[in-house]
């Protein structure tokens, strides 16, 4: 896979009142937590965190690794990129029968 260079993290920010601008984008995510793989989608994404829509709930405080695939043409990326992230669940909740988890990203690297 080619490496990606991003001059700006998109041009249509959603939240300005947080530490980092969040973008309302749904991207496929593979989460590794406690030795299990979980499939998820991002509801929003920033350099410091994301909101995940899950099939199974994760618990507050849980440490996770996750891989986000960013297709070419999304968020100003010219090639498909994969971002490996390490973080922790800071809030989990249910909405309309669907589990969600707010994640703080402690570290990330493009692959």
C-alpha atoms as a PDB file:
ATOM      1  CA  UNK A   1       0.000   0.000   0.000  1.00  0.00           C
ATOM      2  CA  UNK A   2       1.230   3.489  -0.822  1.00  0.00           C
ATOM      3  CA  UNK A   3       1.702   6.016   1.950  1.00  0.00           C
ATOM      4  CA  UNK A   4      -0.682   8.904   2.169  1.00  0.00           C
ATOM      5  CA  UNK A   5       0.092  12.555   2.683  1.00  0.00           C
ATOM      6  CA  UNK A   6      -2.725  14.774   3.814  1.00  0.00           C
ATOM      7  CA  UNK A   7      -2.281  18.528   3.534  1.00  0.00           C
ATOM      8  CA  UNK A   8      -5.396  19.154   5.584  1.00  0.00           C
ATOM      9  CA  UNK A   9      -7.729  16.820   7.439  1.00  0.00           C
ATOM     10  CA  UNK A  10     -10.735  17.634   5.272  1.00  0.00           C
ATOM     11  CA  UNK A  11     -12.473  20.877   4.497  1.00  0.00           C
ATOM     12  CA  UNK A  12     -15.897  20.516   6.117  1.00  0.00           C
ATOM     13  CA  UNK A  13     -15.456  20.346   9.894  1.00  0.00           C
ATOM     14  CA  UNK A  14     -18.351  19.306  12.092  1.00  0.00           C
ATOM     15  CA  UNK A  15     -17.337  20.299  15.653  1.00  0.00           C
ATOM     16  CA  UNK A  16     -15.130  23.299  16.387  1.00  0.00           C
ATOM     17  CA  UNK A  17     -15.599  23.320  20.154  1.00  0.00           C
ATOM     18  CA  UNK A  18     -13.400  20.268  20.889  1.00  0.00           C
ATOM     19  CA  UNK A  19      -9.626  19.938  21.084  1.00  0.00           C
ATOM     20  CA  UNK A  20      -9.593  18.695  17.483  1.00  0.00           C
ATOM     21  CA  UNK A  21     -12.055  19.196  14.653  1.00  0.00           C
ATOM     22  CA  UNK A  22     -14.371  16.195  14.145  1.00  0.00           C
ATOM     23  CA  UNK A  23     -15.568  15.109  10.724  1.00  0.00           C
ATOM     24  CA  UNK A  24     -18.898  13.280  10.245  1.00  0.00           C
ATOM     25  CA  UNK A  25     -17.589  10.360   8.216  1.00  0.00           C
ATOM     26  CA  UNK A  26     -18.520   6.685   8.258  1.00  0.00           C
ATOM     27  CA  UNK A  27     -15.479   4.475   7.744  1.00  0.00           C
ATOM     28  CA  UNK A  28     -15.011   0.751   8.364  1.00  0.00           C
ATOM     29  CA  UNK A  29     -13.057  -0.078  11.516  1.00  0.00           C
ATOM     30  CA  UNK A  30     -11.648  -3.306  12.924  1.00  0.00           C
ATOM     31  CA  UNK A  31     -11.320  -3.120  16.721  1.00  0.00           C
ATOM     32  CA  UNK A  32      -9.076  -5.427  18.769  1.00  0.00           C
ATOM     33  CA  UNK A  33     -10.044  -5.536  22.442  1.00  0.00           C
ATOM     34  CA  UNK A  34      -9.270  -8.215  25.028  1.00  0.00           C
ATOM     35  CA  UNK A  35      -8.077 -10.614  22.324  1.00  0.00           C
ATOM     36  CA  UNK A  36     -11.268 -10.345  20.230  1.00  0.00           C
ATOM     37  CA  UNK A  37     -11.918  -8.646  16.881  1.00  0.00           C
ATOM     38  CA  UNK A  38     -14.990  -6.439  16.505  1.00  0.00           C
ATOM     39  CA  UNK A  39     -16.351  -4.726  13.395  1.00  0.00           C
ATOM     40  CA  UNK A  40     -17.465  -1.104  13.681  1.00  0.00           C
ATOM     41  CA  UNK A  41     -18.105   2.087  11.732  1.00  0.00           C
ATOM     42  CA  UNK A  42     -16.962   5.570  12.630  1.00  0.00           C
ATOM     43  CA  UNK A  43     -19.728   8.106  13.183  1.00  0.00           C
ATOM     44  CA  UNK A  44     -17.200  10.909  13.412  1.00  0.00           C
ATOM     45  CA  UNK A  45     -13.418  11.112  13.408  1.00  0.00           C
ATOM     46  CA  UNK A  46     -10.696  13.544  14.493  1.00  0.00           C
ATOM     47  CA  UNK A  47      -6.968  13.416  15.180  1.00  0.00           C
ATOM     48  CA  UNK A  48      -7.702  12.898  18.895  1.00  0.00           C
ATOM     49  CA  UNK A  49     -10.744  10.641  18.940  1.00  0.00           C
ATOM     50  CA  UNK A  50     -13.738   9.087  17.282  1.00  0.00           C
ATOM     51  CA  UNK A  51     -17.232   7.820  17.895  1.00  0.00           C
ATOM     52  CA  UNK A  52     -17.735   4.171  16.943  1.00  0.00           C
ATOM     53  CA  UNK A  53     -21.021   2.455  16.102  1.00  0.00           C
ATOM     54  CA  UNK A  54     -20.602  -1.189  17.127  1.00  0.00           C
ATOM     55  CA  UNK A  55     -22.376  -4.513  16.848  1.00  0.00           C
ATOM     56  CA  UNK A  56     -21.365  -5.472  20.403  1.00  0.00           C
ATOM     57  CA  UNK A  57     -20.832  -3.109  23.348  1.00  0.00           C
ATOM     58  CA  UNK A  58     -17.400  -2.269  24.735  1.00  0.00           C
ATOM     59  CA  UNK A  59     -16.908  -1.027  28.293  1.00  0.00           C
ATOM     60  CA  UNK A  60     -15.730   2.317  29.619  1.00  0.00           C
ATOM     61  CA  UNK A  61     -12.006   2.403  30.345  1.00  0.00           C
ATOM     62  CA  UNK A  62     -11.246  -0.487  27.982  1.00  0.00           C
ATOM     63  CA  UNK A  63      -7.942  -0.222  26.079  1.00  0.00           C
ATOM     64  CA  UNK A  64      -8.309  -0.931  22.361  1.00  0.00           C
ATOM     65  CA  UNK A  65      -6.330  -1.096  19.151  1.00  0.00           C
ATOM     66  CA  UNK A  66      -8.167  -0.351  15.949  1.00  0.00           C
ATOM     67  CA  UNK A  67      -7.555  -0.031  12.235  1.00  0.00           C
ATOM     68  CA  UNK A  68      -9.418   2.593  10.209  1.00  0.00           C
ATOM     69  CA  UNK A  69      -9.486   2.325   6.413  1.00  0.00           C
ATOM     70  CA  UNK A  70      -9.711   5.675   4.648  1.00  0.00           C
ATOM     71  CA  UNK A  71     -10.607   5.214   0.963  1.00  0.00           C
ATOM     72  CA  UNK A  72      -8.985   7.412  -1.686  1.00  0.00           C
ATOM     73  CA  UNK A  73     -10.984  10.617  -2.133  1.00  0.00           C
ATOM     74  CA  UNK A  74     -12.125  10.714   1.509  1.00  0.00           C
ATOM     75  CA  UNK A  75     -10.893  13.572   3.751  1.00  0.00           C
ATOM     76  CA  UNK A  76      -8.604  14.867   0.977  1.00  0.00           C
ATOM     77  CA  UNK A  77      -6.560  11.633   0.753  1.00  0.00           C
ATOM     78  CA  UNK A  78      -5.370  10.890  -2.788  1.00  0.00           C
ATOM     79  CA  UNK A  79      -4.756   7.172  -2.086  1.00  0.00           C
ATOM     80  CA  UNK A  80      -6.354   4.599   0.187  1.00  0.00           C
ATOM     81  CA  UNK A  81      -4.800   4.769   3.647  1.00  0.00           C
ATOM     82  CA  UNK A  82      -4.949   2.617   6.747  1.00  0.00           C
ATOM     83  CA  UNK A  83      -4.517   4.188  10.167  1.00  0.00           C
ATOM     84  CA  UNK A  84      -3.540   1.995  13.127  1.00  0.00           C
ATOM     85  CA  UNK A  85      -4.730   3.568  16.388  1.00  0.00           C
ATOM     86  CA  UNK A  86      -4.293   2.810  20.067  1.00  0.00           C
ATOM     87  CA  UNK A  87      -6.777   4.315  22.472  1.00  0.00           C
ATOM     88  CA  UNK A  88      -9.347   3.831  25.194  1.00  0.00           C
ATOM     89  CA  UNK A  89     -13.104   3.920  25.568  1.00  0.00           C
ATOM     90  CA  UNK A  90     -14.104   7.022  27.532  1.00  0.00           C
ATOM     91  CA  UNK A  91     -17.871   6.630  27.147  1.00  0.00           C
ATOM     92  CA  UNK A  92     -20.129   3.850  25.959  1.00  0.00           C
ATOM     93  CA  UNK A  93     -23.881   3.966  25.523  1.00  0.00           C
ATOM     94  CA  UNK A  94     -26.845   2.556  23.625  1.00  0.00           C
ATOM     95  CA  UNK A  95     -28.939   4.567  21.173  1.00  0.00           C
ATOM     96  CA  UNK A  96     -31.969   3.036  19.434  1.00  0.00           C
ATOM     97  CA  UNK A  97     -30.778  -0.467  20.306  1.00  0.00           C
ATOM     98  CA  UNK A  98     -27.279   0.138  18.879  1.00  0.00           C
ATOM     99  CA  UNK A  99     -24.080   0.251  21.009  1.00  0.00           C
ATOM    100  CA  UNK A 100     -21.735   3.226  20.600  1.00  0.00           C
ATOM    101  CA  UNK A 101     -18.321   4.009  22.089  1.00  0.00           C
ATOM    102  CA  UNK A 102     -16.479   7.323  22.307  1.00  0.00           C
ATOM    103  CA  UNK A 103     -12.748   6.713  21.948  1.00  0.00           C
ATOM    104  CA  UNK A 104      -9.742   8.871  22.817  1.00  0.00           C
ATOM    105  CA  UNK A 105      -6.855   8.138  20.450  1.00  0.00           C
ATOM    106  CA  UNK A 106      -3.585   7.945  22.367  1.00  0.00           C
ATOM    107  CA  UNK A 107      -1.400   7.079  19.360  1.00  0.00           C
ATOM    108  CA  UNK A 108      -1.849   6.611  15.636  1.00  0.00           C
ATOM    109  CA  UNK A 109       0.274   5.879  12.605  1.00  0.00           C
ATOM    110  CA  UNK A 110      -0.469   5.678   8.916  1.00  0.00           C
ATOM    111  CA  UNK A 111       0.299   2.371   7.253  1.00  0.00           C
END
